C-alpha atoms as a PDB file:
ATOM      1  CA  MET A   1      16.770  14.278  22.264  1.00  0.00           C
ATOM      2  CA  SER A   2      16.568  16.866  19.525  1.00  0.00           C
ATOM      3  CA  ASP A   3      13.234  18.223  18.298  1.00  0.00           C
ATOM      4  CA  GLU A   4      14.601  18.480  14.759  1.00  0.00           C
ATOM      5  CA  ARG A   5      12.792  16.615  12.010  1.00  0.00           C
ATOM      6  CA  TYR A   6      14.101  15.564   8.636  1.00  0.00           C
ATOM      7  CA  GLU A   7      11.745  14.868   5.745  1.00  0.00           C
ATOM      8  CA  THR A   8      11.517  11.448   4.148  1.00  0.00           C
ATOM      9  CA  ALA A   9       9.977  10.636   0.773  1.00  0.00           C
ATOM     10  CA  LYS A  10       6.172  10.669   0.864  1.00  0.00           C
ATOM     11  CA  VAL A  11       5.605   7.199  -0.580  1.00  0.00           C
ATOM     12  CA  GLY A  12       2.222   5.769  -1.569  1.00  0.00           C
ATOM     13  CA  LEU A  13       0.741   2.285  -1.473  1.00  0.00           C
ATOM     14  CA  ASP A  14       2.667   1.272  -4.607  1.00  0.00           C
ATOM     15  CA  TYR A  15       5.790   1.462  -2.439  1.00  0.00           C
ATOM     16  CA  PHE A  16       4.953  -1.983  -1.063  1.00  0.00           C
ATOM     17  CA  LYS A  17       5.559  -3.420  -4.521  1.00  0.00           C
ATOM     18  CA  ASN A  18       8.554  -1.353  -5.647  1.00  0.00           C
ATOM     19  CA  ALA A  19      10.531  -0.088  -2.638  1.00  0.00           C
ATOM     20  CA  PRO A  20      14.316  -0.378  -3.060  1.00  0.00           C
ATOM     21  CA  TYR A  21      14.322  -2.947  -0.234  1.00  0.00           C
ATOM     22  CA  LEU A  22      11.215  -5.053   0.382  1.00  0.00           C
ATOM     23  CA  PHE A  23      10.793  -7.631   3.116  1.00  0.00           C
ATOM     24  CA  ARG A  24       7.711  -9.851   3.480  1.00  0.00           C
ATOM     25  CA  SER A  25       7.064 -11.966   6.521  1.00  0.00           C
ATOM     26  CA  SER A  26       4.049 -14.106   7.300  1.00  0.00           C
ATOM     27  CA  VAL A  27       2.682 -15.816  10.391  1.00  0.00           C
ATOM     28  CA  ASN A  28      -0.477 -17.556  11.556  1.00  0.00           C
ATOM     29  CA  ILE A  29      -1.683 -16.310  14.943  1.00  0.00           C
ATOM     30  CA  ARG A  30      -4.342 -17.767  17.239  1.00  0.00           C
ATOM     31  CA  CYS A  31      -6.540 -14.677  17.606  1.00  0.00           C
ATOM     32  CA  THR A  32      -9.379 -12.976  15.796  1.00  0.00           C
ATOM     33  CA  PRO A  33      -8.904 -10.118  13.333  1.00  0.00           C
ATOM     34  CA  GLN A  34     -10.714  -7.873  15.833  1.00  0.00           C
ATOM     35  CA  GLN A  35      -8.278  -8.784  18.616  1.00  0.00           C
ATOM     36  CA  LEU A  36      -5.265  -8.223  16.378  1.00  0.00           C
ATOM     37  CA  PHE A  37      -6.443  -4.789  15.243  1.00  0.00           C
ATOM     38  CA  ALA A  38      -7.346  -3.829  18.817  1.00  0.00           C
ATOM     39  CA  SER A  39      -3.753  -4.635  19.782  1.00  0.00           C
ATOM     40  CA  PHE A  40      -2.509  -2.504  16.876  1.00  0.00           C
ATOM     41  CA  GLU A  41      -4.486   0.413  18.339  1.00  0.00           C
ATOM     42  CA  ASP A  42      -2.915  -0.146  21.785  1.00  0.00           C
ATOM     43  CA  ALA A  43       0.184   2.059  22.066  1.00  0.00           C
ATOM     44  CA  ASN A  44       1.496  -0.102  24.918  1.00  0.00           C
ATOM     45  CA  ALA A  45       1.326  -3.330  22.909  1.00  0.00           C
ATOM     46  CA  TRP A  46       3.899  -2.349  20.280  1.00  0.00           C
ATOM     47  CA  PRO A  47       6.909  -2.154  22.642  1.00  0.00           C
ATOM     48  CA  ALA A  48       5.816  -5.470  24.176  1.00  0.00           C
ATOM     49  CA  TRP A  49       6.265  -7.428  20.929  1.00  0.00           C
ATOM     50  CA  ALA A  50       8.392  -5.293  18.576  1.00  0.00           C
ATOM     51  CA  MET A  51      11.829  -5.235  20.203  1.00  0.00           C
ATOM     52  CA  PRO A  52      13.120  -2.120  18.375  1.00  0.00           C
ATOM     53  CA  ILE A  53      10.107  -0.045  19.514  1.00  0.00           C
ATOM     54  CA  THR A  54      10.375   1.628  22.916  1.00  0.00           C
ATOM     55  CA  HIS A  55       7.393   4.020  22.812  1.00  0.00           C
ATOM     56  CA  VAL A  56       4.322   4.714  20.661  1.00  0.00           C
ATOM     57  CA  GLU A  57       2.302   7.929  20.827  1.00  0.00           C
ATOM     58  CA  TRP A  58      -0.864   8.323  18.784  1.00  0.00           C
ATOM     59  CA  THR A  59      -1.087  11.963  17.700  1.00  0.00           C
ATOM     60  CA  SER A  60      -4.540  11.663  16.118  1.00  0.00           C
ATOM     61  CA  PRO A  61      -7.770  10.896  17.973  1.00  0.00           C
ATOM     62  CA  GLN A  62      -9.749   7.725  17.514  1.00  0.00           C
ATOM     63  CA  PRO A  63     -11.302   6.420  15.418  1.00  0.00           C
ATOM     64  CA  PHE A  64      -8.106   5.810  13.479  1.00  0.00           C
ATOM     65  CA  GLY A  65      -8.164   5.892   9.693  1.00  0.00           C
ATOM     66  CA  VAL A  66      -6.385   7.180   6.617  1.00  0.00           C
ATOM     67  CA  GLY A  67      -4.404  10.251   7.644  1.00  0.00           C
ATOM     68  CA  THR A  68      -3.986   9.152  11.277  1.00  0.00           C
ATOM     69  CA  THR A  69      -0.576  10.052  12.690  1.00  0.00           C
ATOM     70  CA  ARG A  70       1.629   8.693  15.416  1.00  0.00           C
ATOM     71  CA  ASN A  71       5.198   8.994  16.660  1.00  0.00           C
ATOM     72  CA  VAL A  72       7.216   5.849  17.240  1.00  0.00           C
ATOM     73  CA  THR A  73      10.432   5.901  19.260  1.00  0.00           C
ATOM     74  CA  MET A  74      12.901   3.098  18.653  1.00  0.00           C
ATOM     75  CA  LEU A  75      16.161   1.904  20.154  1.00  0.00           C
ATOM     76  CA  GLY A  76      18.808   4.612  19.991  1.00  0.00           C
ATOM     77  CA  ASN A  77      16.073   7.281  20.305  1.00  0.00           C
ATOM     78  CA  LEU A  78      15.297   7.242  16.589  1.00  0.00           C
ATOM     79  CA  VAL A  79      11.803   8.675  16.143  1.00  0.00           C
ATOM     80  CA  GLY A  80       9.631   8.000  13.114  1.00  0.00           C
ATOM     81  CA  TYR A  81       6.769  10.422  12.510  1.00  0.00           C
ATOM     82  CA  GLU A  82       4.182   8.264  10.773  1.00  0.00           C
ATOM     83  CA  GLU A  83       1.063   8.776   8.686  1.00  0.00           C
ATOM     84  CA  PHE A  84      -1.389   5.997   7.879  1.00  0.00           C
ATOM     85  CA  LEU A  85      -2.074   5.538   4.179  1.00  0.00           C
ATOM     86  CA  LEU A  86      -4.584   2.725   4.588  1.00  0.00           C
ATOM     87  CA  TRP A  87      -6.806   1.690   7.476  1.00  0.00           C
ATOM     88  CA  GLN A  88      -9.399  -1.009   6.925  1.00  0.00           C
ATOM     89  CA  PRO A  89     -10.254  -2.362  10.382  1.00  0.00           C
ATOM     90  CA  CYS A  90      -9.624  -6.064  10.851  1.00  0.00           C
ATOM     91  CA  THR A  91      -8.157  -6.543   7.366  1.00  0.00           C
ATOM     92  CA  GLU A  92      -5.451  -4.109   6.297  1.00  0.00           C
ATOM     93  CA  MET A  93      -3.383  -1.083   7.298  1.00  0.00           C
ATOM     94  CA  ALA A  94      -0.298   0.697   6.020  1.00  0.00           C
ATOM     95  CA  PHE A  95       1.793   3.651   7.096  1.00  0.00           C
ATOM     96  CA  ARG A  96       4.867   5.565   6.019  1.00  0.00           C
ATOM     97  CA  PHE A  97       7.413   7.683   7.813  1.00  0.00           C
ATOM     98  CA  ASN A  98       6.930  11.331   6.873  1.00  0.00           C
ATOM     99  CA  GLN A  99       9.900  12.450   8.954  1.00  0.00           C
ATOM    100  CA  VAL A 100      12.616  11.142  11.268  1.00  0.00           C
ATOM    101  CA  ASN A 101      14.582  12.920  13.957  1.00  0.00           C
ATOM    102  CA  ARG A 102      17.987  12.029  12.514  1.00  0.00           C
ATOM    103  CA  LYS A 103      19.533  13.277   9.319  1.00  0.00           C
ATOM    104  CA  ASP A 104      20.778  10.801   6.716  1.00  0.00           C
ATOM    105  CA  VAL A 105      19.119   7.710   8.186  1.00  0.00           C
ATOM    106  CA  LEU A 106      16.257   6.992   5.776  1.00  0.00           C
ATOM    107  CA  VAL A 107      15.208   8.166   2.354  1.00  0.00           C
ATOM    108  CA  SER A 108      11.881   6.349   2.777  1.00  0.00           C
ATOM    109  CA  PHE A 109      10.178   3.775   4.980  1.00  0.00           C
ATOM    110  CA  GLY A 110       6.763   2.146   5.234  1.00  0.00           C
ATOM    111  CA  GLU A 111       4.919  -0.902   6.538  1.00  0.00           C
ATOM    112  CA  HIS A 112       1.855  -2.755   5.281  1.00  0.00           C
ATOM    113  CA  TYR A 113      -0.177  -5.294   7.291  1.00  0.00           C
ATOM    114  CA  LEU A 114      -2.605  -7.669   5.554  1.00  0.00           C
ATOM    115  CA  VAL A 115      -4.803  -9.800   7.825  1.00  0.00           C
ATOM    116  CA  THR A 116      -6.739 -12.817   6.569  1.00  0.00           C
ATOM    117  CA  ASP A 117      -9.273 -14.511   8.823  1.00  0.00           C
ATOM    118  CA  LEU A 118      -8.613 -18.254   8.610  1.00  0.00           C
ATOM    119  CA  GLY A 119     -11.571 -19.086  10.862  1.00  0.00           C
ATOM    120  CA  ASN A 120     -11.558 -20.939  14.170  1.00  0.00           C
ATOM    121  CA  GLY A 121      -9.917 -17.985  15.932  1.00  0.00           C
ATOM    122  CA  THR A 122      -6.847 -17.885  13.700  1.00  0.00           C
ATOM    123  CA  VAL A 123      -5.532 -15.212  11.349  1.00  0.00           C
ATOM    124  CA  ASN A 124      -2.746 -15.046   8.826  1.00  0.00           C
ATOM    125  CA  LEU A 125      -0.739 -11.828   8.859  1.00  0.00           C
ATOM    126  CA  VAL A 126       1.471 -10.790   5.965  1.00  0.00           C
ATOM    127  CA  TRP A 127       3.764  -7.943   7.001  1.00  0.00           C
ATOM    128  CA  THR A 128       5.583  -6.017   4.294  1.00  0.00           C
ATOM    129  CA  VAL A 129       8.338  -3.580   5.179  1.00  0.00           C
ATOM    130  CA  GLY A 130       9.704  -1.290   2.488  1.00  0.00           C
ATOM    131  CA  MET A 131      12.693   0.947   2.974  1.00  0.00           C
ATOM    132  CA  GLU A 132      15.464   2.925   1.422  1.00  0.00           C
ATOM    133  CA  PRO A 133      18.243   3.615   3.922  1.00  0.00           C
ATOM    134  CA  ALA A 134      20.460   6.682   3.625  1.00  0.00           C
ATOM    135  CA  GLY A 135      24.033   7.391   4.658  1.00  0.00           C
ATOM    136  CA  PRO A 136      26.072   4.456   6.002  1.00  0.00           C
ATOM    137  CA  GLY A 137      22.875   2.405   6.332  1.00  0.00           C
ATOM    138  CA  ALA A 138      22.527   2.335   2.537  1.00  0.00           C
ATOM    139  CA  TRP A 139      25.879   0.597   2.205  1.00  0.00           C
ATOM    140  CA  PHE A 140      25.272  -1.677   5.201  1.00  0.00           C
ATOM    141  CA  MET A 141      21.889  -2.822   3.828  1.00  0.00           C
ATOM    142  CA  LYS A 142      23.595  -4.242   0.750  1.00  0.00           C
ATOM    143  CA  ILE A 143      25.399  -6.792   2.883  1.00  0.00           C
ATOM    144  CA  SER A 144      22.927  -7.238   5.745  1.00  0.00           C
ATOM    145  CA  ARG A 145      19.726  -7.922   3.797  1.00  0.00           C
ATOM    146  CA  PRO A 146      19.425 -11.575   4.960  1.00  0.00           C
ATOM    147  CA  LEU A 147      19.960 -10.518   8.571  1.00  0.00           C
ATOM    148  CA  VAL A 148      17.293  -7.814   8.274  1.00  0.00           C
ATOM    149  CA  ALA A 149      14.842 -10.346   6.773  1.00  0.00           C
ATOM    150  CA  TRP A 150      15.539 -12.764   9.623  1.00  0.00           C
ATOM    151  CA  GLY A 151      15.107  -9.990  12.217  1.00  0.00           C
ATOM    152  CA  LEU A 152      11.745  -8.973  10.796  1.00  0.00           C
ATOM    153  CA  GLN A 153      10.475 -12.572  10.801  1.00  0.00           C
ATOM    154  CA  TRP A 154      11.731 -12.919  14.386  1.00  0.00           C
ATOM    155  CA  THR A 155       9.861  -9.719  15.313  1.00  0.00           C
ATOM    156  CA  LEU A 156       6.682 -11.131  13.778  1.00  0.00           C
ATOM    157  CA  GLY A 157       7.199 -14.198  15.965  1.00  0.00           C
ATOM    158  CA  GLY A 158       7.156 -11.795  18.907  1.00  0.00           C
ATOM    159  CA  LEU A 159       3.720 -10.573  17.823  1.00  0.00           C
ATOM    160  CA  LYS A 160       2.490 -14.173  17.618  1.00  0.00           C
ATOM    161  CA  LYS A 161       3.741 -14.908  21.152  1.00  0.00           C
ATOM    162  CA  TYR A 162       2.279 -11.661  22.479  1.00  0.00           C
ATOM    163  CA  MET A 163      -1.146 -12.205  20.935  1.00  0.00           C
ATOM    164  CA  GLU A 164      -1.361 -15.838  21.942  1.00  0.00           C
ATOM    165  CA  ALA A 165      -0.513 -14.891  25.545  1.00  0.00           C
ATOM    166  CA  HIS A 166      -2.451 -11.593  25.806  1.00  0.00           C
ATOM    167  CA  GLY A 167      -4.895 -11.491  22.888  1.00  0.00           C
ATOM    168  CA  SER A 168      -7.888 -12.342  25.051  1.00  0.00           C
ATOM    169  CA  LYS A 169      -7.713  -8.884  26.664  1.00  0.00           C
ATOM    170  CA  TYR A 170      -8.577  -7.310  23.315  1.00  0.00           C
ATOM    171  CA  ARG A 171     -12.179  -7.294  22.131  1.00  0.00           C
END
């Protein structure tokens, strides 16, 4: 795998309202906000529920917060070099890709997670993914948008299954 990095647009929080492609998924999960955020901090949890992710490496020390960085490797050895724009434990977090290891894949990319405590050990998670593909992906996105939306909702279902099976290990 190449060590080259290609810059992506340094988007802000407004990106989750005006990205060229926005996808919002929502799910209720039987867990506490504390358990959910503890799983988000666990590098090994991400590949267990998010099928495209094969490896997560935090590159900033805990405690995590605004400015925290991590590298996420996905299927096909695509690596996103991320920076967190928002980190409010148990309620909200957001990150963007600052760089990727492949040229002409993404102009911009980011994710936002909003957690609402519904009480009785249940949360609602709204997951917003914003992106602007580059190269052939830009053309493909025009026709595959419904499939991408379905895939993201399916991925969120993976988080629900993971947390409801393993959430008790997080405190």
